[in-house]
Amino acid sequence: MIKGITTTSPHLTVTGGQPGSPYVIPNYPPNPLSGALWFNGQDIQVYNGTAWQNVTATPPATITMNQVATDAITWAQKKMYEEAHIKELAAKNVTIADALAKYELAAEQLKVVLTLTK
């Protein structure tokens, strides 16, 4: 059982769940505290402060990434595959290896120029 999930990340969304202070009780308690759990036959029940409820009746917590995070990860994976493919081709072809070396040198030179102009 998840006690509670929160996030301060702009890239994660948390919905659902039931926060509380869960603890499992060995048999039916006369005065349970909110968040208490116990087994009632085949069911797991939680005390919500007023009544016992089956845990399955509570929607589970859901954690998802927002579309910006999903797009960023998808883009990064695509770039990783592209770079690996280019390195494989460069290992087999001198012309591609030469072009890749020139590209990497130009990228480094661009970083230097950008740093100096800041």
N, C-alpha and C. Protein backbone atom coordinates (compact mmCIF):
# COMPACT_ATOMS: atom_id res chain seq x y z
N MET A 1 0.85 -1.18 0.00
CA MET A 1 0.00 0.00 0.00
C MET A 1 0.88 1.24 0.00
N ILE A 2 0.48 2.20 -0.73
CA ILE A 2 1.21 3.46 -0.80
C ILE A 2 0.59 4.42 0.21
N LYS A 3 1.41 4.93 1.11
CA LYS A 3 0.92 5.85 2.12
C LYS A 3 0.56 7.19 1.50
N GLY A 4 1.40 7.67 0.65
CA GLY A 4 1.13 8.94 0.00
C GLY A 4 2.28 9.30 -0.92
N ILE A 5 1.98 9.87 -2.05
CA ILE A 5 3.01 10.27 -3.00
C ILE A 5 2.72 11.71 -3.41
N THR A 6 3.76 12.52 -3.37
CA THR A 6 3.64 13.88 -3.88
C THR A 6 4.87 14.13 -4.75
N THR A 7 4.81 15.12 -5.56
CA THR A 7 5.95 15.48 -6.39
C THR A 7 6.01 16.98 -6.56
N THR A 8 7.21 17.49 -6.65
CA THR A 8 7.40 18.91 -6.98
C THR A 8 7.93 19.03 -8.40
N SER A 9 8.09 17.89 -9.07
CA SER A 9 8.60 17.89 -10.43
C SER A 9 7.55 18.39 -11.41
N PRO A 10 7.92 19.27 -12.33
CA PRO A 10 6.97 19.69 -13.36
C PRO A 10 6.75 18.60 -14.41
N HIS A 11 7.53 17.50 -14.31
CA HIS A 11 7.45 16.46 -15.32
C HIS A 11 6.69 15.21 -14.86
N LEU A 12 6.28 15.16 -13.60
CA LEU A 12 5.52 14.02 -13.09
C LEU A 12 4.16 14.47 -12.61
N THR A 13 3.18 13.61 -12.82
CA THR A 13 1.83 13.88 -12.35
C THR A 13 1.41 12.71 -11.47
N VAL A 14 0.93 12.99 -10.26
CA VAL A 14 0.46 11.95 -9.35
C VAL A 14 -1.03 12.17 -9.12
N THR A 15 -1.82 11.12 -9.35
CA THR A 15 -3.26 11.19 -9.11
C THR A 15 -3.71 9.95 -8.37
N GLY A 16 -4.79 10.07 -7.61
CA GLY A 16 -5.38 8.93 -6.91
C GLY A 16 -4.60 8.56 -5.67
N GLY A 17 -4.91 7.37 -5.16
CA GLY A 17 -4.28 6.89 -3.94
C GLY A 17 -5.04 7.38 -2.73
N GLN A 18 -4.68 6.85 -1.58
CA GLN A 18 -5.35 7.24 -0.34
C GLN A 18 -4.30 7.39 0.74
N PRO A 19 -3.83 8.62 1.01
CA PRO A 19 -2.82 8.78 2.04
C PRO A 19 -3.39 8.46 3.42
N GLY A 20 -2.54 8.10 4.31
CA GLY A 20 -2.94 7.78 5.68
C GLY A 20 -1.74 7.25 6.43
N SER A 21 -1.99 6.59 7.53
CA SER A 21 -0.92 5.99 8.33
C SER A 21 -1.21 4.50 8.44
N PRO A 22 -0.88 3.71 7.43
CA PRO A 22 -1.27 2.30 7.44
C PRO A 22 -0.46 1.46 8.42
N TYR A 23 -1.13 0.58 9.09
CA TYR A 23 -0.51 -0.45 9.90
C TYR A 23 -1.46 -1.64 9.90
N VAL A 24 -0.91 -2.87 9.94
CA VAL A 24 -1.72 -4.08 9.85
C VAL A 24 -2.07 -4.56 11.25
N ILE A 25 -3.34 -4.86 11.45
CA ILE A 25 -3.85 -5.33 12.74
C ILE A 25 -4.12 -6.83 12.63
N PRO A 26 -3.69 -7.63 13.61
CA PRO A 26 -3.84 -9.08 13.50
C PRO A 26 -5.29 -9.56 13.56
N ASN A 27 -6.17 -8.90 14.30
CA ASN A 27 -7.59 -9.28 14.33
C ASN A 27 -8.45 -8.03 14.45
N TYR A 28 -9.77 -8.20 14.38
CA TYR A 28 -10.68 -7.05 14.35
C TYR A 28 -10.51 -6.18 15.58
N PRO A 29 -10.15 -4.92 15.43
CA PRO A 29 -9.93 -4.04 16.59
C PRO A 29 -11.22 -3.31 16.98
N PRO A 30 -11.42 -3.07 18.27
CA PRO A 30 -12.63 -2.34 18.70
C PRO A 30 -12.56 -0.84 18.39
N ASN A 31 -11.37 -0.25 18.46
CA ASN A 31 -11.21 1.19 18.23
C ASN A 31 -10.04 1.45 17.27
N PRO A 32 -10.21 1.19 15.99
CA PRO A 32 -9.09 1.36 15.06
C PRO A 32 -8.79 2.83 14.78
N LEU A 33 -7.54 3.08 14.41
CA LEU A 33 -7.14 4.42 13.98
C LEU A 33 -7.29 4.51 12.46
N SER A 34 -7.46 5.72 11.98
CA SER A 34 -7.56 5.93 10.54
C SER A 34 -6.29 5.42 9.86
N GLY A 35 -6.46 4.63 8.80
CA GLY A 35 -5.34 4.07 8.07
C GLY A 35 -5.01 2.65 8.47
N ALA A 36 -5.69 2.10 9.51
CA ALA A 36 -5.43 0.73 9.95
C ALA A 36 -5.85 -0.26 8.87
N LEU A 37 -5.08 -1.33 8.72
CA LEU A 37 -5.39 -2.39 7.77
C LEU A 37 -5.67 -3.68 8.53
N TRP A 38 -6.55 -4.51 7.97
CA TRP A 38 -6.71 -5.85 8.51
C TRP A 38 -7.28 -6.75 7.44
N PHE A 39 -7.07 -8.06 7.62
CA PHE A 39 -7.58 -9.05 6.69
C PHE A 39 -8.93 -9.50 7.18
N ASN A 40 -9.94 -9.39 6.33
CA ASN A 40 -11.30 -9.81 6.63
C ASN A 40 -11.63 -10.92 5.64
N GLY A 41 -11.31 -12.16 6.02
CA GLY A 41 -11.51 -13.27 5.10
C GLY A 41 -10.51 -13.16 3.97
N GLN A 42 -11.00 -12.99 2.73
CA GLN A 42 -10.13 -12.85 1.56
C GLN A 42 -9.85 -11.39 1.22
N ASP A 43 -10.49 -10.47 1.95
CA ASP A 43 -10.36 -9.04 1.64
C ASP A 43 -9.37 -8.35 2.57
N ILE A 44 -8.67 -7.36 2.02
CA ILE A 44 -7.88 -6.46 2.84
C ILE A 44 -8.71 -5.19 2.97
N GLN A 45 -8.87 -4.76 4.20
CA GLN A 45 -9.69 -3.56 4.44
C GLN A 45 -8.87 -2.50 5.14
N VAL A 46 -9.22 -1.24 4.89
CA VAL A 46 -8.58 -0.10 5.53
C VAL A 46 -9.67 0.70 6.25
N TYR A 47 -9.31 1.20 7.43
CA TYR A 47 -10.25 2.01 8.20
C TYR A 47 -10.03 3.47 7.82
N ASN A 48 -11.07 4.13 7.32
CA ASN A 48 -10.94 5.51 6.83
C ASN A 48 -11.23 6.56 7.90
N GLY A 49 -11.37 6.12 9.14
CA GLY A 49 -11.69 7.03 10.23
C GLY A 49 -13.14 6.92 10.65
N THR A 50 -13.98 6.35 9.77
CA THR A 50 -15.40 6.18 10.05
C THR A 50 -15.85 4.74 9.84
N ALA A 51 -15.36 4.11 8.78
CA ALA A 51 -15.81 2.76 8.43
C ALA A 51 -14.67 1.99 7.77
N TRP A 52 -14.82 0.65 7.76
CA TRP A 52 -13.87 -0.22 7.06
C TRP A 52 -14.26 -0.27 5.59
N GLN A 53 -13.27 -0.13 4.70
CA GLN A 53 -13.51 -0.20 3.26
C GLN A 53 -12.53 -1.19 2.65
N ASN A 54 -13.01 -1.95 1.65
CA ASN A 54 -12.11 -2.84 0.93
C ASN A 54 -11.07 -1.99 0.20
N VAL A 55 -9.81 -2.42 0.25
CA VAL A 55 -8.74 -1.69 -0.41
C VAL A 55 -8.98 -1.62 -1.91
N THR A 56 -9.57 -2.67 -2.47
CA THR A 56 -9.84 -2.67 -3.91
C THR A 56 -10.86 -1.62 -4.31
N ALA A 57 -11.62 -1.11 -3.35
CA ALA A 57 -12.61 -0.08 -3.66
C ALA A 57 -11.94 1.29 -3.85
N THR A 58 -10.70 1.43 -3.41
CA THR A 58 -9.98 2.68 -3.52
C THR A 58 -9.18 2.68 -4.82
N PRO A 59 -9.33 3.70 -5.66
CA PRO A 59 -8.52 3.72 -6.89
C PRO A 59 -7.04 3.80 -6.54
N PRO A 60 -6.21 3.06 -7.27
CA PRO A 60 -4.77 3.10 -6.99
C PRO A 60 -4.15 4.43 -7.41
N ALA A 61 -3.03 4.73 -6.80
CA ALA A 61 -2.30 5.94 -7.21
C ALA A 61 -1.71 5.71 -8.59
N THR A 62 -1.69 6.75 -9.38
CA THR A 62 -1.15 6.68 -10.73
C THR A 62 -0.08 7.76 -10.87
N ILE A 63 1.07 7.36 -11.39
CA ILE A 63 2.15 8.31 -11.62
C ILE A 63 2.48 8.26 -13.11
N THR A 64 2.43 9.41 -13.76
CA THR A 64 2.73 9.49 -15.18
C THR A 64 3.66 10.67 -15.44
N MET A 65 4.34 10.62 -16.57
CA MET A 65 5.15 11.76 -16.99
C MET A 65 4.31 12.63 -17.90
N ASN A 66 4.54 13.94 -17.83
CA ASN A 66 3.80 14.80 -18.74
C ASN A 66 4.37 14.66 -20.15
N GLN A 67 3.71 15.25 -21.11
CA GLN A 67 4.09 15.08 -22.51
C GLN A 67 5.47 15.66 -22.81
N VAL A 68 5.84 16.75 -22.15
CA VAL A 68 7.16 17.34 -22.38
C VAL A 68 8.26 16.35 -21.99
N ALA A 69 8.11 15.71 -20.82
CA ALA A 69 9.11 14.73 -20.38
C ALA A 69 9.14 13.53 -21.30
N THR A 70 7.97 13.05 -21.70
CA THR A 70 7.90 11.91 -22.62
C THR A 70 8.58 12.25 -23.94
N ASP A 71 8.29 13.43 -24.49
CA ASP A 71 8.91 13.85 -25.75
C ASP A 71 10.43 13.98 -25.61
N ALA A 72 10.90 14.51 -24.47
CA ALA A 72 12.34 14.68 -24.26
C ALA A 72 13.04 13.32 -24.21
N ILE A 73 12.45 12.36 -23.53
CA ILE A 73 13.07 11.03 -23.44
C ILE A 73 13.04 10.36 -24.81
N THR A 74 11.95 10.50 -25.53
CA THR A 74 11.85 9.91 -26.87
C THR A 74 12.90 10.53 -27.79
N TRP A 75 13.07 11.84 -27.72
CA TRP A 75 14.07 12.53 -28.53
C TRP A 75 15.48 12.04 -28.17
N ALA A 76 15.76 11.94 -26.86
CA ALA A 76 17.09 11.51 -26.42
C ALA A 76 17.39 10.08 -26.88
N GLN A 77 16.40 9.20 -26.81
CA GLN A 77 16.60 7.83 -27.28
C GLN A 77 16.90 7.81 -28.78
N LYS A 78 16.15 8.61 -29.54
CA LYS A 78 16.37 8.67 -30.99
C LYS A 78 17.78 9.16 -31.30
N LYS A 79 18.23 10.21 -30.59
CA LYS A 79 19.57 10.75 -30.81
C LYS A 79 20.64 9.71 -30.44
N MET A 80 20.44 8.97 -29.36
CA MET A 80 21.40 7.94 -28.97
C MET A 80 21.53 6.88 -30.06
N TYR A 81 20.39 6.42 -30.58
CA TYR A 81 20.41 5.41 -31.64
C TYR A 81 21.08 5.95 -32.91
N GLU A 82 20.77 7.20 -33.26
CA GLU A 82 21.37 7.82 -34.45
C GLU A 82 22.89 7.91 -34.30
N GLU A 83 23.36 8.38 -33.12
CA GLU A 83 24.79 8.52 -32.90
C GLU A 83 25.50 7.16 -32.93
N ALA A 84 24.88 6.15 -32.33
CA ALA A 84 25.47 4.81 -32.34
C ALA A 84 25.56 4.28 -33.78
N HIS A 85 24.52 4.54 -34.56
CA HIS A 85 24.50 4.08 -35.95
C HIS A 85 25.59 4.77 -36.77
N ILE A 86 25.75 6.06 -36.57
CA ILE A 86 26.79 6.81 -37.29
C ILE A 86 28.17 6.29 -36.91
N LYS A 87 28.40 5.99 -35.62
CA LYS A 87 29.70 5.47 -35.19
C LYS A 87 29.96 4.08 -35.79
N GLU A 88 28.92 3.27 -35.90
CA GLU A 88 29.06 1.95 -36.55
C GLU A 88 29.47 2.12 -38.02
N LEU A 89 28.79 3.05 -38.70
CA LEU A 89 29.12 3.30 -40.11
C LEU A 89 30.53 3.85 -40.26
N ALA A 90 30.94 4.74 -39.33
CA ALA A 90 32.28 5.34 -39.40
C ALA A 90 33.36 4.28 -39.19
N ALA A 91 33.06 3.27 -38.38
CA ALA A 91 34.04 2.21 -38.15
C ALA A 91 34.27 1.37 -39.40
N LYS A 92 33.31 1.39 -40.32
CA LYS A 92 33.40 0.57 -41.53
C LYS A 92 33.75 1.37 -42.78
N ASN A 93 33.65 2.70 -42.69
CA ASN A 93 33.81 3.52 -43.89
C ASN A 93 34.70 4.72 -43.58
N VAL A 94 35.84 4.82 -44.25
CA VAL A 94 36.81 5.88 -44.00
C VAL A 94 36.22 7.26 -44.30
N THR A 95 35.43 7.38 -45.34
CA THR A 95 34.85 8.67 -45.71
C THR A 95 33.89 9.15 -44.63
N ILE A 96 33.07 8.24 -44.10
CA ILE A 96 32.15 8.62 -43.02
C ILE A 96 32.93 8.96 -41.76
N ALA A 97 34.00 8.21 -41.47
CA ALA A 97 34.83 8.49 -40.30
C ALA A 97 35.45 9.88 -40.40
N ASP A 98 35.92 10.25 -41.59
CA ASP A 98 36.50 11.57 -41.80
C ASP A 98 35.46 12.67 -41.61
N ALA A 99 34.28 12.46 -42.18
CA ALA A 99 33.22 13.46 -42.04
C ALA A 99 32.80 13.60 -40.58
N LEU A 100 32.73 12.49 -39.86
CA LEU A 100 32.36 12.53 -38.44
C LEU A 100 33.41 13.28 -37.63
N ALA A 101 34.68 13.06 -37.91
CA ALA A 101 35.74 13.77 -37.20
C ALA A 101 35.65 15.27 -37.45
N LYS A 102 35.38 15.67 -38.69
CA LYS A 102 35.23 17.09 -39.01
C LYS A 102 34.01 17.69 -38.32
N TYR A 103 32.93 16.93 -38.27
CA TYR A 103 31.71 17.38 -37.59
C TYR A 103 31.98 17.59 -36.10
N GLU A 104 32.66 16.63 -35.47
CA GLU A 104 32.96 16.74 -34.04
C GLU A 104 33.88 17.92 -33.75
N LEU A 105 34.85 18.16 -34.63
CA LEU A 105 35.74 19.31 -34.47
C LEU A 105 34.95 20.61 -34.59
N ALA A 106 34.07 20.69 -35.57
CA ALA A 106 33.24 21.89 -35.75
C ALA A 106 32.35 22.12 -34.53
N ALA A 107 31.81 21.04 -33.97
CA ALA A 107 30.96 21.17 -32.78
C ALA A 107 31.76 21.72 -31.61
N GLU A 108 32.99 21.26 -31.44
CA GLU A 108 33.85 21.76 -30.36
C GLU A 108 34.19 23.23 -30.59
N GLN A 109 34.48 23.58 -31.81
CA GLN A 109 34.80 24.98 -32.13
C GLN A 109 33.59 25.88 -31.85
N LEU A 110 32.41 25.39 -32.18
CA LEU A 110 31.19 26.16 -31.91
C LEU A 110 31.02 26.38 -30.40
N LYS A 111 31.29 25.37 -29.60
CA LYS A 111 31.19 25.52 -28.14
C LYS A 111 32.14 26.60 -27.65
N VAL A 112 33.36 26.61 -28.17
CA VAL A 112 34.34 27.61 -27.77
C VAL A 112 33.85 29.01 -28.12
N VAL A 113 33.38 29.17 -29.34
CA VAL A 113 32.90 30.48 -29.77
C VAL A 113 31.71 30.93 -28.93
N LEU A 114 30.79 30.04 -28.65
CA LEU A 114 29.63 30.39 -27.82
C LEU A 114 30.05 30.77 -26.40
N THR A 115 31.02 30.06 -25.87
CA THR A 115 31.52 30.39 -24.53
C THR A 115 32.19 31.75 -24.51
N LEU A 116 32.98 32.04 -25.53
CA LEU A 116 33.69 33.32 -25.57
C LEU A 116 32.74 34.50 -25.81
N THR A 117 31.63 34.26 -26.44
CA THR A 117 30.71 35.38 -26.75
C THR A 117 29.70 35.63 -25.62
N LYS A 118 29.73 34.82 -24.60
CA LYS A 118 28.78 35.04 -23.48
C LYS A 118 29.24 36.14 -22.57
